Amino acid sequence: MLLVQYTLLEVRKRVPLVSIMHRLASWPLPRLLKPPTEKALQQYSRLHARPLVGATGVLVTLYTQLGILLTFGAIFPPIALAMAMSIAAVVYLTRFKVQRFVQAAVDAQLPGFLDVINAECAKVGTREQMQLAVQIIVCYCCAFYTLFLFDTLGDAEGFTASVWVLFVV
């Protein structure tokens, strides 16, 4: 998806501003990849429902991938490697996009975008959110491990010898 976004970004740079191709290339691009303008700054200041960075979405993606890493990765190590690489890629690419946008805003002398980004990211990753996320991940991991242990023990010892796992764990 990132390759498509950067291809559209290059197409957008090379075609005239008033062309249909410019509009088509601009439409699917995330706002973080579009160049900062004074008009866009006024829109972002008014619109609180659509974030510029989407830090909450990034955090949810990272928690989801961490949950997959902890559950399925413990059973099948190649998935753990793939999920670790995926987590690293999400972190790196998000940082790259934000740094690119911040640098473009500074170059365009629009420091108001820095305030918008800071305001969006201020409420993300609070202690309460982190504790809740850890609790959810631990619960799902325990549920997965319980069923996995029940299945494995059931194959080896039979149903009646393994049903205790469902109640103990």
Protein backbone atom coordinates (compact mmCIF):
# COMPACT_ATOMS: atom_id res chain seq x y z
CA MET A 1 0.00 0.00 0.00
CA LEU A 2 2.85 2.33 0.80
CA LEU A 3 4.34 1.80 -2.65
CA VAL A 4 1.02 2.80 -4.22
CA GLN A 5 0.82 5.90 -2.02
CA TYR A 6 4.30 7.09 -2.95
CA THR A 7 3.66 6.36 -6.63
CA LEU A 8 0.54 8.52 -6.44
CA LEU A 9 2.55 11.18 -4.65
CA GLU A 10 5.08 11.27 -7.49
CA VAL A 11 2.30 11.35 -10.11
CA ARG A 12 0.67 14.21 -8.20
CA LYS A 13 3.92 16.19 -8.27
CA ARG A 14 4.44 15.76 -12.01
CA VAL A 15 1.00 16.61 -13.41
CA PRO A 16 -0.55 20.10 -13.62
CA LEU A 17 -2.57 21.25 -10.58
CA VAL A 18 -5.82 21.74 -12.49
CA SER A 19 -5.81 18.37 -14.27
CA ILE A 20 -8.04 15.39 -13.62
CA MET A 21 -4.94 13.25 -13.04
CA HIS A 22 -3.91 15.53 -10.16
CA ARG A 23 -7.32 15.12 -8.53
CA LEU A 24 -7.31 11.35 -9.06
CA ALA A 25 -3.81 11.04 -7.63
CA SER A 26 -4.69 13.26 -4.65
CA TRP A 27 -7.95 11.61 -3.68
CA PRO A 28 -6.64 8.30 -2.18
CA LEU A 29 -3.58 9.87 -0.54
CA PRO A 30 -3.64 10.17 3.25
CA ARG A 31 -3.56 13.75 4.48
CA LEU A 32 -0.20 13.16 6.07
CA LEU A 33 1.36 12.68 2.63
CA LYS A 34 -0.19 15.76 1.08
CA PRO A 35 1.85 18.98 1.25
CA PRO A 36 0.88 21.35 4.09
CA THR A 37 -0.88 24.55 3.07
CA GLU A 38 -2.47 27.45 4.92
CA LYS A 39 -5.92 26.36 3.72
CA ALA A 40 -5.31 22.81 4.96
CA LEU A 41 -4.18 24.15 8.34
CA GLN A 42 -7.47 26.00 8.77
CA GLN A 43 -9.40 22.84 7.85
CA TYR A 44 -7.44 20.67 10.31
CA SER A 45 -7.95 23.21 13.07
CA ARG A 46 -11.73 22.99 12.59
CA LEU A 47 -12.04 19.25 12.00
CA HIS A 48 -11.43 17.27 15.14
CA ALA A 49 -13.17 14.10 13.96
CA ARG A 50 -10.61 13.25 11.26
CA PRO A 51 -7.09 13.24 12.67
CA LEU A 52 -4.06 14.15 10.63
CA VAL A 53 -1.75 11.51 12.06
CA GLY A 54 -4.20 8.83 13.21
CA ALA A 55 -2.01 7.89 16.17
CA THR A 56 -4.80 5.93 17.84
CA GLY A 57 -5.13 3.76 14.73
CA VAL A 58 -1.40 3.15 14.67
CA LEU A 59 -1.46 2.16 18.34
CA VAL A 60 -4.37 -0.23 17.77
CA THR A 61 -2.50 -1.78 14.82
CA LEU A 62 0.60 -2.25 16.95
CA TYR A 63 -1.39 -3.82 19.81
CA THR A 64 -3.14 -6.16 17.38
CA GLN A 65 0.13 -7.26 15.87
CA LEU A 66 1.66 -7.68 19.33
CA GLY A 67 -1.28 -9.87 20.33
CA ILE A 68 -0.80 -12.03 17.23
CA LEU A 69 2.92 -12.21 17.93
CA LEU A 70 2.36 -13.36 21.52
CA THR A 71 -0.33 -15.92 20.71
CA PHE A 72 0.49 -17.51 17.38
CA GLY A 73 4.18 -16.60 17.44
CA ALA A 74 4.77 -18.69 20.55
CA ILE A 75 3.38 -21.74 18.78
CA PHE A 76 4.81 -21.13 15.30
CA PRO A 77 8.08 -19.13 15.40
CA PRO A 78 8.11 -18.04 11.72
CA ILE A 79 4.94 -16.06 12.43
CA ALA A 80 6.74 -14.40 15.35
CA LEU A 81 9.53 -13.29 13.02
CA ALA A 82 7.07 -11.99 10.43
CA MET A 83 5.04 -10.12 13.04
CA ALA A 84 8.16 -8.59 14.60
CA MET A 85 9.21 -7.35 11.16
CA SER A 86 5.70 -6.03 10.56
CA ILE A 87 5.69 -4.14 13.87
CA ALA A 88 9.08 -2.63 13.06
CA ALA A 89 7.85 -1.62 9.60
CA VAL A 90 4.71 0.06 10.96
CA VAL A 91 6.73 2.03 13.50
CA TYR A 92 9.40 3.04 10.99
CA LEU A 93 6.98 4.05 8.22
CA THR A 94 4.72 6.01 10.57
CA ARG A 95 7.72 7.89 11.95
CA PHE A 96 8.94 8.51 8.40
CA LYS A 97 5.58 9.93 7.29
CA VAL A 98 5.26 12.18 10.33
CA GLN A 99 8.86 13.41 10.06
CA ARG A 100 8.38 14.10 6.36
CA PHE A 101 5.19 16.07 7.02
CA VAL A 102 6.70 18.02 9.93
CA GLN A 103 9.71 18.95 7.82
CA ALA A 104 7.43 20.07 4.98
CA ALA A 105 5.39 22.17 7.44
CA VAL A 106 8.54 23.78 8.85
CA ASP A 107 9.83 24.46 5.34
CA ALA A 108 6.48 26.04 4.42
CA GLN A 109 6.64 28.11 7.64
CA LEU A 110 3.40 26.67 8.98
CA PRO A 111 4.16 25.88 12.64
CA GLY A 112 0.44 25.51 13.34
CA PHE A 113 0.65 21.97 11.98
CA LEU A 114 3.02 21.08 14.80
CA ASP A 115 0.37 22.16 17.31
CA VAL A 116 -2.24 20.06 15.47
CA ILE A 117 0.00 16.98 15.54
CA ASN A 118 0.90 17.51 19.21
CA ALA A 119 -2.77 17.90 20.15
CA GLU A 120 -3.70 14.69 18.31
CA CYS A 121 -0.90 12.67 19.89
CA ALA A 122 -1.32 14.05 23.42
CA LYS A 123 -4.21 11.73 24.32
CA VAL A 124 -2.71 8.61 22.76
CA GLY A 125 -0.75 6.09 24.78
CA THR A 126 -1.83 7.18 28.22
CA ARG A 127 -1.15 4.92 31.17
CA GLU A 128 -4.79 3.85 31.39
CA GLN A 129 -4.89 2.92 27.70
CA MET A 130 -1.68 0.92 28.03
CA GLN A 131 -2.96 -0.97 31.08
CA LEU A 132 -6.24 -1.80 29.36
CA ALA A 133 -4.42 -2.98 26.24
CA VAL A 134 -2.11 -5.23 28.25
CA GLN A 135 -5.10 -6.71 30.11
CA ILE A 136 -6.89 -7.43 26.84
CA ILE A 137 -3.80 -8.98 25.25
CA VAL A 138 -3.14 -11.16 28.32
CA CYS A 139 -6.76 -12.38 28.38
CA TYR A 140 -6.73 -13.32 24.71
CA CYS A 141 -3.32 -14.98 25.03
CA CYS A 142 -4.53 -17.04 27.99
CA ALA A 143 -7.68 -18.06 26.13
CA PHE A 144 -5.65 -19.09 23.09
CA TYR A 145 -3.07 -21.01 25.14
CA THR A 146 -5.85 -22.77 27.07
CA LEU A 147 -7.50 -24.00 23.89
CA PHE A 148 -4.14 -24.92 22.37
CA LEU A 149 -3.12 -26.89 25.47
CA PHE A 150 -6.54 -28.58 25.61
CA ASP A 151 -6.24 -29.57 21.95
CA THR A 152 -2.69 -30.86 22.29
CA LEU A 153 -3.35 -32.73 25.52
CA GLY A 154 -6.63 -34.05 24.14
CA ASP A 155 -4.86 -35.56 21.15
CA ALA A 156 -2.28 -37.22 23.37
CA GLU A 157 -4.38 -38.31 26.39
CA GLY A 158 -8.01 -38.12 25.30
CA PHE A 159 -10.91 -35.80 26.11
CA THR A 160 -11.56 -36.92 29.67
CA ALA A 161 -7.90 -36.60 30.66
CA SER A 162 -7.59 -33.09 29.21
CA VAL A 163 -10.89 -31.40 30.09
CA TRP A 164 -9.39 -30.13 33.36
CA VAL A 165 -7.28 -27.64 31.36
CA LEU A 166 -10.41 -25.71 30.37
CA PHE A 167 -11.30 -25.12 34.01
CA VAL A 168 -7.88 -24.63 35.59
CA VAL A 169 -6.37 -22.21 33.13
